[in-house]
């Protein structure tokens, strides 16, 4: 019994890529530290932010896998995912989605009950709706990449509001802009793998509508906007040398990421998507928080 449950949870973790929570988490944690200044966030606030981030992302990814199960089954690149292969049933997937939503809502409610901040609870359903709407966007717009960026990019602003809504200001919004275009940019790169499948099945994306070259050029523009927004965060939040070193390193990594792929060679997309972006988020978040602390 316990072995079966463990196996099911393991398959679900594989399905929603729980480890990829690292992409947005450091940005939300940096926003938490910025919002708490001149004090530090409490342990309770830190734990609640982490729970909200993991639960919200898990809900969104599970919902996405449910909505796209037939599409994933038809796509050779995704046909071995748990739902198309039957390793995870639709019933189990819906159960995990509901559990993730309940955990997220409960964590938001604790902000209200224990920290006397009602805003996470008030905004929780609109946030979940935004996260779930993304799953349908490829059916009617090529700009699903931006919607995904907006959904994940809302996390720094949400974290800021959860910690101190009274100080919500330009740095929070610039941090959101940075994440929107960072996520949107690397999703443009990732979507290039499916350009032929998307065209055959009528799914919309920038690569399928405008071509791979245009998508990769737009990704470079998006990442340029990311760097500009990160510089803006440092200036408007009066951050120091360590933060701007982090921005410089992120800039170098984004240059590397975009150099790894071309319209003629997409073989290193996964290296660009998973490895480089994981380093970007962890490096930036860690150095940014250190700068705030010192």
C-alpha atoms as a PDB file:
ATOM      1  CA  UNK A   1       0.000   0.000   0.000  1.00  0.00           C
ATOM      2  CA  UNK A   2       2.663   2.498   1.085  1.00  0.00           C
ATOM      3  CA  UNK A   3       4.897   1.380  -1.779  1.00  0.00           C
ATOM      4  CA  UNK A   4       2.126   2.058  -4.286  1.00  0.00           C
ATOM      5  CA  UNK A   5       1.469   5.470  -2.794  1.00  0.00           C
ATOM      6  CA  UNK A   6       5.165   6.338  -2.878  1.00  0.00           C
ATOM      7  CA  UNK A   7       5.373   5.261  -6.510  1.00  0.00           C
ATOM      8  CA  UNK A   8       2.309   7.322  -7.420  1.00  0.00           C
ATOM      9  CA  UNK A   9       3.673  10.425  -5.692  1.00  0.00           C
ATOM     10  CA  UNK A  10       7.017   9.897  -7.438  1.00  0.00           C
ATOM     11  CA  UNK A  11       5.292   9.705 -10.822  1.00  0.00           C
ATOM     12  CA  UNK A  12       3.284  12.844 -10.023  1.00  0.00           C
ATOM     13  CA  UNK A  13       6.496  14.681  -9.031  1.00  0.00           C
ATOM     14  CA  UNK A  14       7.974  13.647 -12.374  1.00  0.00           C
ATOM     15  CA  UNK A  15       4.853  14.840 -14.193  1.00  0.00           C
ATOM     16  CA  UNK A  16       4.809  18.339 -12.707  1.00  0.00           C
ATOM     17  CA  UNK A  17       8.614  18.661 -12.554  1.00  0.00           C
ATOM     18  CA  UNK A  18       8.609  19.696  -8.892  1.00  0.00           C
ATOM     19  CA  UNK A  19      12.351  20.377  -9.086  1.00  0.00           C
ATOM     20  CA  UNK A  20      11.643  23.144 -11.605  1.00  0.00           C
ATOM     21  CA  UNK A  21      10.053  25.219  -8.852  1.00  0.00           C
ATOM     22  CA  UNK A  22      13.616  26.501  -8.541  1.00  0.00           C
ATOM     23  CA  UNK A  23      13.029  28.705 -11.598  1.00  0.00           C
ATOM     24  CA  UNK A  24      10.710  31.229  -9.949  1.00  0.00           C
ATOM     25  CA  UNK A  25      11.364  30.528  -6.265  1.00  0.00           C
ATOM     26  CA  UNK A  26      14.538  32.652  -5.876  1.00  0.00           C
ATOM     27  CA  UNK A  27      12.799  35.685  -7.394  1.00  0.00           C
ATOM     28  CA  UNK A  28       9.905  35.348  -4.957  1.00  0.00           C
ATOM     29  CA  UNK A  29      12.297  34.945  -2.027  1.00  0.00           C
ATOM     30  CA  UNK A  30      14.267  38.029  -3.067  1.00  0.00           C
ATOM     31  CA  UNK A  31      10.980  39.968  -3.238  1.00  0.00           C
ATOM     32  CA  UNK A  32      10.184  38.697   0.264  1.00  0.00           C
ATOM     33  CA  UNK A  33      13.467  40.056   1.648  1.00  0.00           C
ATOM     34  CA  UNK A  34      13.045  43.377  -0.166  1.00  0.00           C
ATOM     35  CA  UNK A  35       9.485  43.758   1.119  1.00  0.00           C
ATOM     36  CA  UNK A  36      10.547  43.062   4.709  1.00  0.00           C
ATOM     37  CA  UNK A  37      13.250  45.746   4.808  1.00  0.00           C
ATOM     38  CA  UNK A  38      14.544  47.162   7.101  1.00  0.00           C
ATOM     39  CA  UNK A  39      13.587  44.020   9.029  1.00  0.00           C
ATOM     40  CA  UNK A  40      13.936  40.384   8.040  1.00  0.00           C
ATOM     41  CA  UNK A  41      11.055  38.076   7.103  1.00  0.00           C
ATOM     42  CA  UNK A  42      10.025  35.742   9.876  1.00  0.00           C
ATOM     43  CA  UNK A  43      10.461  31.980   9.647  1.00  0.00           C
ATOM     44  CA  UNK A  44       6.675  31.632   9.361  1.00  0.00           C
ATOM     45  CA  UNK A  45       6.578  34.018   6.402  1.00  0.00           C
ATOM     46  CA  UNK A  46       9.455  32.209   4.719  1.00  0.00           C
ATOM     47  CA  UNK A  47       7.826  28.790   5.109  1.00  0.00           C
ATOM     48  CA  UNK A  48       4.449  30.060   3.896  1.00  0.00           C
ATOM     49  CA  UNK A  49       5.976  31.665   0.802  1.00  0.00           C
ATOM     50  CA  UNK A  50       7.763  28.413  -0.078  1.00  0.00           C
ATOM     51  CA  UNK A  51       4.581  26.377   0.437  1.00  0.00           C
ATOM     52  CA  UNK A  52       2.539  28.790  -1.685  1.00  0.00           C
ATOM     53  CA  UNK A  53       5.095  28.724  -4.492  1.00  0.00           C
ATOM     54  CA  UNK A  54       5.383  24.926  -4.635  1.00  0.00           C
ATOM     55  CA  UNK A  55       1.629  24.336  -4.242  1.00  0.00           C
ATOM     56  CA  UNK A  56       0.587  26.927  -6.822  1.00  0.00           C
ATOM     57  CA  UNK A  57       3.078  25.663  -9.374  1.00  0.00           C
ATOM     58  CA  UNK A  58       2.094  22.046  -8.721  1.00  0.00           C
ATOM     59  CA  UNK A  59      -1.568  22.910  -9.241  1.00  0.00           C
ATOM     60  CA  UNK A  60      -0.804  24.759 -12.469  1.00  0.00           C
ATOM     61  CA  UNK A  61       1.414  22.011 -13.891  1.00  0.00           C
ATOM     62  CA  UNK A  62      -1.027  19.250 -12.968  1.00  0.00           C
ATOM     63  CA  UNK A  63      -3.888  21.174 -14.595  1.00  0.00           C
ATOM     64  CA  UNK A  64      -1.733  21.705 -17.678  1.00  0.00           C
ATOM     65  CA  UNK A  65      -0.946  17.997 -17.958  1.00  0.00           C
ATOM     66  CA  UNK A  66      -4.643  17.112 -17.605  1.00  0.00           C
ATOM     67  CA  UNK A  67      -5.707  19.606 -20.278  1.00  0.00           C
ATOM     68  CA  UNK A  68      -2.926  18.578 -22.662  1.00  0.00           C
ATOM     69  CA  UNK A  69      -3.077  14.805 -22.140  1.00  0.00           C
ATOM     70  CA  UNK A  70      -4.347  14.077 -25.674  1.00  0.00           C
ATOM     71  CA  UNK A  71      -1.942  16.568 -27.219  1.00  0.00           C
ATOM     72  CA  UNK A  72       0.973  15.085 -25.270  1.00  0.00           C
ATOM     73  CA  UNK A  73      -0.008  11.578 -26.382  1.00  0.00           C
ATOM     74  CA  UNK A  74       0.135  12.617 -30.043  1.00  0.00           C
ATOM     75  CA  UNK A  75       3.465  14.445 -29.750  1.00  0.00           C
ATOM     76  CA  UNK A  76       6.486  12.078 -29.963  1.00  0.00           C
ATOM     77  CA  UNK A  77       8.479  14.363 -27.645  1.00  0.00           C
ATOM     78  CA  UNK A  78       5.889  14.168 -24.848  1.00  0.00           C
ATOM     79  CA  UNK A  79       4.167  10.830 -25.476  1.00  0.00           C
ATOM     80  CA  UNK A  80       6.063   9.134 -22.617  1.00  0.00           C
ATOM     81  CA  UNK A  81       4.681  11.463 -19.949  1.00  0.00           C
ATOM     82  CA  UNK A  82       2.766   9.773 -17.090  1.00  0.00           C
ATOM     83  CA  UNK A  83      -0.782  10.576 -18.244  1.00  0.00           C
ATOM     84  CA  UNK A  84      -0.409   9.559 -21.917  1.00  0.00           C
ATOM     85  CA  UNK A  85       1.316   6.309 -20.932  1.00  0.00           C
ATOM     86  CA  UNK A  86      -1.248   5.488 -18.242  1.00  0.00           C
ATOM     87  CA  UNK A  87       1.331   5.425 -15.446  1.00  0.00           C
ATOM     88  CA  UNK A  88      -0.871   8.019 -13.746  1.00  0.00           C
ATOM     89  CA  UNK A  89      -4.636   8.003 -14.092  1.00  0.00           C
ATOM     90  CA  UNK A  90      -6.772  11.042 -14.777  1.00  0.00           C
ATOM     91  CA  UNK A  91      -8.498  10.449 -11.446  1.00  0.00           C
ATOM     92  CA  UNK A  92      -5.195  10.593  -9.576  1.00  0.00           C
ATOM     93  CA  UNK A  93      -4.153  13.707 -11.505  1.00  0.00           C
ATOM     94  CA  UNK A  94      -7.363  15.518 -10.547  1.00  0.00           C
ATOM     95  CA  UNK A  95      -6.859  14.441  -6.922  1.00  0.00           C
ATOM     96  CA  UNK A  96      -3.341  15.887  -6.908  1.00  0.00           C
ATOM     97  CA  UNK A  97      -4.625  19.096  -8.472  1.00  0.00           C
ATOM     98  CA  UNK A  98      -7.303  19.492  -5.798  1.00  0.00           C
ATOM     99  CA  UNK A  99      -4.787  18.740  -3.027  1.00  0.00           C
ATOM    100  CA  UNK A 100      -2.362  21.325  -4.407  1.00  0.00           C
ATOM    101  CA  UNK A 101      -5.117  23.939  -4.574  1.00  0.00           C
ATOM    102  CA  UNK A 102      -6.194  23.192  -1.004  1.00  0.00           C
ATOM    103  CA  UNK A 103      -2.609  23.448   0.298  1.00  0.00           C
ATOM    104  CA  UNK A 104      -2.168  26.772  -1.516  1.00  0.00           C
ATOM    105  CA  UNK A 105      -5.439  28.157  -0.179  1.00  0.00           C
ATOM    106  CA  UNK A 106      -4.643  26.987   3.347  1.00  0.00           C
ATOM    107  CA  UNK A 107      -1.230  28.667   3.281  1.00  0.00           C
ATOM    108  CA  UNK A 108      -2.844  31.886   2.030  1.00  0.00           C
ATOM    109  CA  UNK A 109      -5.409  31.653   4.832  1.00  0.00           C
ATOM    110  CA  UNK A 110      -2.630  31.327   7.443  1.00  0.00           C
ATOM    111  CA  UNK A 111      -1.278  34.681   6.271  1.00  0.00           C
ATOM    112  CA  UNK A 112      -4.645  36.144   7.243  1.00  0.00           C
ATOM    113  CA  UNK A 113      -5.150  34.273  10.508  1.00  0.00           C
ATOM    114  CA  UNK A 114      -1.598  34.420  11.884  1.00  0.00           C
ATOM    115  CA  UNK A 115      -0.025  37.466  10.236  1.00  0.00           C
ATOM    116  CA  UNK A 116      -3.233  39.501   9.807  1.00  0.00           C
ATOM    117  CA  UNK A 117      -2.677  40.037   6.086  1.00  0.00           C
ATOM    118  CA  UNK A 118      -5.862  39.161   4.141  1.00  0.00           C
ATOM    119  CA  UNK A 119      -4.456  39.931   0.682  1.00  0.00           C
ATOM    120  CA  UNK A 120      -3.018  36.470  -0.101  1.00  0.00           C
ATOM    121  CA  UNK A 121      -6.441  34.946   0.554  1.00  0.00           C
ATOM    122  CA  UNK A 122      -8.266  37.659  -1.413  1.00  0.00           C
ATOM    123  CA  UNK A 123      -5.971  37.249  -4.428  1.00  0.00           C
ATOM    124  CA  UNK A 124      -5.519  33.472  -4.254  1.00  0.00           C
ATOM    125  CA  UNK A 125      -8.309  32.495  -6.664  1.00  0.00           C
ATOM    126  CA  UNK A 126      -7.381  35.115  -9.331  1.00  0.00           C
ATOM    127  CA  UNK A 127      -3.777  33.884  -9.114  1.00  0.00           C
ATOM    128  CA  UNK A 128      -4.839  30.258  -9.596  1.00  0.00           C
ATOM    129  CA  UNK A 129      -7.089  31.259 -12.485  1.00  0.00           C
ATOM    130  CA  UNK A 130      -4.181  33.020 -14.217  1.00  0.00           C
ATOM    131  CA  UNK A 131      -1.943  29.997 -13.702  1.00  0.00           C
ATOM    132  CA  UNK A 132      -4.539  27.621 -15.144  1.00  0.00           C
ATOM    133  CA  UNK A 133      -5.665  29.797 -18.077  1.00  0.00           C
ATOM    134  CA  UNK A 134      -2.214  29.414 -19.624  1.00  0.00           C
ATOM    135  CA  UNK A 135      -3.004  25.771 -20.404  1.00  0.00           C
ATOM    136  CA  UNK A 136      -5.536  26.809 -23.053  1.00  0.00           C
ATOM    137  CA  UNK A 137      -3.674  29.701 -24.695  1.00  0.00           C
ATOM    138  CA  UNK A 138      -1.924  27.713 -27.447  1.00  0.00           C
ATOM    139  CA  UNK A 139      -5.364  26.918 -28.793  1.00  0.00           C
ATOM    140  CA  UNK A 140      -6.151  30.549 -29.648  1.00  0.00           C
ATOM    141  CA  UNK A 141      -3.022  32.764 -29.528  1.00  0.00           C
ATOM    142  CA  UNK A 142       0.627  32.565 -30.544  1.00  0.00           C
ATOM    143  CA  UNK A 143       1.555  34.571 -27.440  1.00  0.00           C
ATOM    144  CA  UNK A 144       1.175  31.774 -24.892  1.00  0.00           C
ATOM    145  CA  UNK A 145       4.838  32.349 -24.007  1.00  0.00           C
ATOM    146  CA  UNK A 146       4.007  35.792 -22.658  1.00  0.00           C
ATOM    147  CA  UNK A 147       0.991  34.459 -20.757  1.00  0.00           C
ATOM    148  CA  UNK A 148       3.232  31.848 -19.134  1.00  0.00           C
ATOM    149  CA  UNK A 149       5.728  34.565 -18.259  1.00  0.00           C
ATOM    150  CA  UNK A 150       2.965  36.696 -16.775  1.00  0.00           C
ATOM    151  CA  UNK A 151       1.603  33.793 -14.724  1.00  0.00           C
ATOM    152  CA  UNK A 152       4.987  32.900 -13.231  1.00  0.00           C
ATOM    153  CA  UNK A 153       6.174  36.508 -13.172  1.00  0.00           C
ATOM    154  CA  UNK A 154       3.374  37.456 -10.817  1.00  0.00           C
ATOM    155  CA  UNK A 155       5.145  35.495  -8.060  1.00  0.00           C
ATOM    156  CA  UNK A 156       7.517  38.294  -6.899  1.00  0.00           C
ATOM    157  CA  UNK A 157       4.639  40.766  -6.646  1.00  0.00           C
ATOM    158  CA  UNK A 158       2.504  38.163  -4.858  1.00  0.00           C
ATOM    159  CA  UNK A 159       5.318  37.473  -2.388  1.00  0.00           C
ATOM    160  CA  UNK A 160       5.805  41.197  -1.800  1.00  0.00           C
ATOM    161  CA  UNK A 161       2.091  41.674  -1.108  1.00  0.00           C
ATOM    162  CA  UNK A 162       2.106  38.694   1.255  1.00  0.00           C
ATOM    163  CA  UNK A 163       4.949  40.198   3.303  1.00  0.00           C
ATOM    164  CA  UNK A 164       4.181  43.921   3.245  1.00  0.00           C
ATOM    165  CA  UNK A 165       1.487  45.185   0.855  1.00  0.00           C
ATOM    166  CA  UNK A 166       1.966  48.745   2.104  1.00  0.00           C
ATOM    167  CA  UNK A 167       5.443  48.994   0.548  1.00  0.00           C
ATOM    168  CA  UNK A 168       4.547  47.576  -2.872  1.00  0.00           C
ATOM    169  CA  UNK A 169       6.401  49.858  -5.257  1.00  0.00           C
ATOM    170  CA  UNK A 170       8.369  50.075  -8.506  1.00  0.00           C
ATOM    171  CA  UNK A 171      11.069  47.475  -7.596  1.00  0.00           C
ATOM    172  CA  UNK A 172       8.389  44.788  -7.211  1.00  0.00           C
ATOM    173  CA  UNK A 173       6.861  45.562 -10.602  1.00  0.00           C
ATOM    174  CA  UNK A 174      10.272  45.685 -12.292  1.00  0.00           C
ATOM    175  CA  UNK A 175      11.118  42.315 -10.762  1.00  0.00           C
ATOM    176  CA  UNK A 176       7.875  41.013 -12.225  1.00  0.00           C
ATOM    177  CA  UNK A 177       8.770  42.436 -15.659  1.00  0.00           C
ATOM    178  CA  UNK A 178      12.171  40.739 -15.447  1.00  0.00           C
ATOM    179  CA  UNK A 179      10.609  37.342 -14.722  1.00  0.00           C
ATOM    180  CA  UNK A 180       7.882  37.771 -17.381  1.00  0.00           C
ATOM    181  CA  UNK A 181      10.436  38.286 -20.154  1.00  0.00           C
ATOM    182  CA  UNK A 182      12.950  35.790 -18.776  1.00  0.00           C
ATOM    183  CA  UNK A 183      10.332  33.010 -18.651  1.00  0.00           C
ATOM    184  CA  UNK A 184       8.762  34.116 -21.940  1.00  0.00           C
ATOM    185  CA  UNK A 185      12.176  34.130 -23.606  1.00  0.00           C
ATOM    186  CA  UNK A 186      13.232  30.658 -22.617  1.00  0.00           C
ATOM    187  CA  UNK A 187       9.754  29.290 -23.383  1.00  0.00           C
ATOM    188  CA  UNK A 188      10.166  30.675 -26.908  1.00  0.00           C
ATOM    189  CA  UNK A 189      13.400  28.686 -27.191  1.00  0.00           C
ATOM    190  CA  UNK A 190      11.793  25.555 -25.747  1.00  0.00           C
ATOM    191  CA  UNK A 191       8.777  25.791 -28.088  1.00  0.00           C
ATOM    192  CA  UNK A 192      11.030  25.603 -31.139  1.00  0.00           C
ATOM    193  CA  UNK A 193      11.260  21.834 -30.588  1.00  0.00           C
ATOM    194  CA  UNK A 194       7.560  21.423 -31.400  1.00  0.00           C
ATOM    195  CA  UNK A 195       7.274  23.704 -34.425  1.00  0.00           C
ATOM    196  CA  UNK A 196       6.423  20.904 -36.906  1.00  0.00           C
ATOM    197  CA  UNK A 197       3.980  19.199 -34.541  1.00  0.00           C
ATOM    198  CA  UNK A 198       2.258  22.504 -33.711  1.00  0.00           C
ATOM    199  CA  UNK A 199       1.810  23.315 -37.398  1.00  0.00           C
ATOM    200  CA  UNK A 200       0.351  19.870 -38.152  1.00  0.00           C
ATOM    201  CA  UNK A 201      -2.117  20.023 -35.287  1.00  0.00           C
ATOM    202  CA  UNK A 202      -3.071  23.685 -35.542  1.00  0.00           C
ATOM    203  CA  UNK A 203      -1.564  24.709 -32.204  1.00  0.00           C
ATOM    204  CA  UNK A 204      -0.312  28.270 -32.038  1.00  0.00           C
ATOM    205  CA  UNK A 205       3.086  29.506 -30.922  1.00  0.00           C
ATOM    206  CA  UNK A 206       5.551  32.100 -32.133  1.00  0.00           C
ATOM    207  CA  UNK A 207       7.788  29.432 -33.738  1.00  0.00           C
ATOM    208  CA  UNK A 208       4.864  27.724 -35.519  1.00  0.00           C
ATOM    209  CA  UNK A 209       3.396  30.993 -36.802  1.00  0.00           C
ATOM    210  CA  UNK A 210       6.447  33.200 -37.353  1.00  0.00           C
ATOM    211  CA  UNK A 211       9.239  30.652 -37.741  1.00  0.00           C
ATOM    212  CA  UNK A 212      12.127  29.454 -35.583  1.00  0.00           C
ATOM    213  CA  UNK A 213      14.486  32.286 -36.551  1.00  0.00           C
ATOM    214  CA  UNK A 214      11.913  34.906 -35.523  1.00  0.00           C
ATOM    215  CA  UNK A 215      11.254  33.078 -32.250  1.00  0.00           C
ATOM    216  CA  UNK A 216      14.935  32.928 -31.339  1.00  0.00           C
ATOM    217  CA  UNK A 217      15.429  36.606 -32.193  1.00  0.00           C
ATOM    218  CA  UNK A 218      12.411  37.501 -30.059  1.00  0.00           C
ATOM    219  CA  UNK A 219      13.845  35.405 -27.204  1.00  0.00           C
ATOM    220  CA  UNK A 220      17.031  37.487 -27.379  1.00  0.00           C
ATOM    221  CA  UNK A 221      14.974  40.685 -27.221  1.00  0.00           C
ATOM    222  CA  UNK A 222      12.989  39.349 -24.264  1.00  0.00           C
ATOM    223  CA  UNK A 223      16.180  38.518 -22.391  1.00  0.00           C
ATOM    224  CA  UNK A 224      17.582  41.973 -23.125  1.00  0.00           C
ATOM    225  CA  UNK A 225      14.445  43.399 -21.508  1.00  0.00           C
ATOM    226  CA  UNK A 226      15.009  41.037 -18.565  1.00  0.00           C
ATOM    227  CA  UNK A 227      18.470  42.455 -17.956  1.00  0.00           C
ATOM    228  CA  UNK A 228      17.196  46.029 -18.269  1.00  0.00           C
ATOM    229  CA  UNK A 229      14.451  45.333 -15.723  1.00  0.00           C
ATOM    230  CA  UNK A 230      16.932  43.715 -13.306  1.00  0.00           C
ATOM    231  CA  UNK A 231      19.131  46.799 -13.524  1.00  0.00           C
ATOM    232  CA  UNK A 232      16.030  48.877 -12.820  1.00  0.00           C
ATOM    233  CA  UNK A 233      15.305  46.787  -9.712  1.00  0.00           C
ATOM    234  CA  UNK A 234      18.814  47.442  -8.395  1.00  0.00           C
ATOM    235  CA  UNK A 235      18.594  51.183  -9.004  1.00  0.00           C
ATOM    236  CA  UNK A 236      15.091  51.740  -7.628  1.00  0.00           C
ATOM    237  CA  UNK A 237      15.648  49.473  -4.600  1.00  0.00           C
ATOM    238  CA  UNK A 238      19.070  51.030  -3.859  1.00  0.00           C
ATOM    239  CA  UNK A 239      20.843  47.685  -3.982  1.00  0.00           C
ATOM    240  CA  UNK A 240      24.613  47.324  -3.874  1.00  0.00           C
ATOM    241  CA  UNK A 241      27.617  45.859  -5.637  1.00  0.00           C
ATOM    242  CA  UNK A 242      26.792  42.205  -4.938  1.00  0.00           C
ATOM    243  CA  UNK A 243      23.394  42.591  -6.603  1.00  0.00           C
ATOM    244  CA  UNK A 244      24.861  44.196  -9.723  1.00  0.00           C
ATOM    245  CA  UNK A 245      27.514  41.456  -9.934  1.00  0.00           C
ATOM    246  CA  UNK A 246      24.566  39.034  -9.944  1.00  0.00           C
ATOM    247  CA  UNK A 247      22.964  40.954 -12.808  1.00  0.00           C
ATOM    248  CA  UNK A 248      26.249  40.851 -14.739  1.00  0.00           C
ATOM    249  CA  UNK A 249      26.520  37.077 -14.255  1.00  0.00           C
ATOM    250  CA  UNK A 250      22.878  36.602 -15.283  1.00  0.00           C
ATOM    251  CA  UNK A 251      23.571  38.639 -18.425  1.00  0.00           C
ATOM    252  CA  UNK A 252      26.522  36.384 -19.323  1.00  0.00           C
ATOM    253  CA  UNK A 253      24.442  33.248 -18.706  1.00  0.00           C
ATOM    254  CA  UNK A 254      21.576  34.532 -20.861  1.00  0.00           C
ATOM    255  CA  UNK A 255      24.046  35.261 -23.666  1.00  0.00           C
ATOM    256  CA  UNK A 256      25.316  31.687 -23.340  1.00  0.00           C
ATOM    257  CA  UNK A 257      21.754  30.328 -23.288  1.00  0.00           C
ATOM    258  CA  UNK A 258      20.842  32.084 -26.517  1.00  0.00           C
ATOM    259  CA  UNK A 259      24.130  31.075 -28.155  1.00  0.00           C
ATOM    260  CA  UNK A 260      23.495  27.384 -27.434  1.00  0.00           C
ATOM    261  CA  UNK A 261      20.658  27.129 -29.962  1.00  0.00           C
ATOM    262  CA  UNK A 262      20.056  28.186 -33.535  1.00  0.00           C
ATOM    263  CA  UNK A 263      17.434  27.553 -36.184  1.00  0.00           C
ATOM    264  CA  UNK A 264      19.778  24.945 -37.679  1.00  0.00           C
ATOM    265  CA  UNK A 265      20.674  23.212 -34.413  1.00  0.00           C
ATOM    266  CA  UNK A 266      18.133  22.735 -31.618  1.00  0.00           C
ATOM    267  CA  UNK A 267      19.919  19.757 -30.076  1.00  0.00           C
ATOM    268  CA  UNK A 268      20.984  21.750 -27.003  1.00  0.00           C
ATOM    269  CA  UNK A 269      17.577  23.200 -26.139  1.00  0.00           C
ATOM    270  CA  UNK A 270      17.292  21.112 -22.976  1.00  0.00           C
ATOM    271  CA  UNK A 271      20.745  22.249 -21.836  1.00  0.00           C
ATOM    272  CA  UNK A 272      19.708  25.868 -22.394  1.00  0.00           C
ATOM    273  CA  UNK A 273      16.291  25.397 -20.813  1.00  0.00           C
ATOM    274  CA  UNK A 274      16.981  23.317 -17.705  1.00  0.00           C
ATOM    275  CA  UNK A 275      20.635  23.769 -16.784  1.00  0.00           C
ATOM    276  CA  UNK A 276      21.352  27.403 -17.661  1.00  0.00           C
ATOM    277  CA  UNK A 277      18.035  28.740 -16.377  1.00  0.00           C
ATOM    278  CA  UNK A 278      18.370  26.811 -13.139  1.00  0.00           C
ATOM    279  CA  UNK A 279      21.774  28.418 -12.599  1.00  0.00           C
ATOM    280  CA  UNK A 280      20.385  31.856 -13.531  1.00  0.00           C
ATOM    281  CA  UNK A 281      17.619  31.750 -10.933  1.00  0.00           C
ATOM    282  CA  UNK A 282      19.681  30.261  -8.101  1.00  0.00           C
ATOM    283  CA  UNK A 283      22.652  32.554  -8.680  1.00  0.00           C
ATOM    284  CA  UNK A 284      20.561  35.694  -8.977  1.00  0.00           C
ATOM    285  CA  UNK A 285      18.334  34.913  -6.010  1.00  0.00           C
ATOM    286  CA  UNK A 286      21.211  33.935  -3.735  1.00  0.00           C
ATOM    287  CA  UNK A 287      23.417  36.938  -4.504  1.00  0.00           C
ATOM    288  CA  UNK A 288      20.425  39.297  -4.440  1.00  0.00           C
ATOM    289  CA  UNK A 289      19.403  38.122  -0.962  1.00  0.00           C
ATOM    290  CA  UNK A 290      23.007  38.352   0.262  1.00  0.00           C
ATOM    291  CA  UNK A 291      23.124  41.942  -0.972  1.00  0.00           C
ATOM    292  CA  UNK A 292      19.968  42.796   0.969  1.00  0.00           C
ATOM    293  CA  UNK A 293      21.375  41.154   4.112  1.00  0.00           C
ATOM    294  CA  UNK A 294      24.744  42.906   4.048  1.00  0.00           C
END
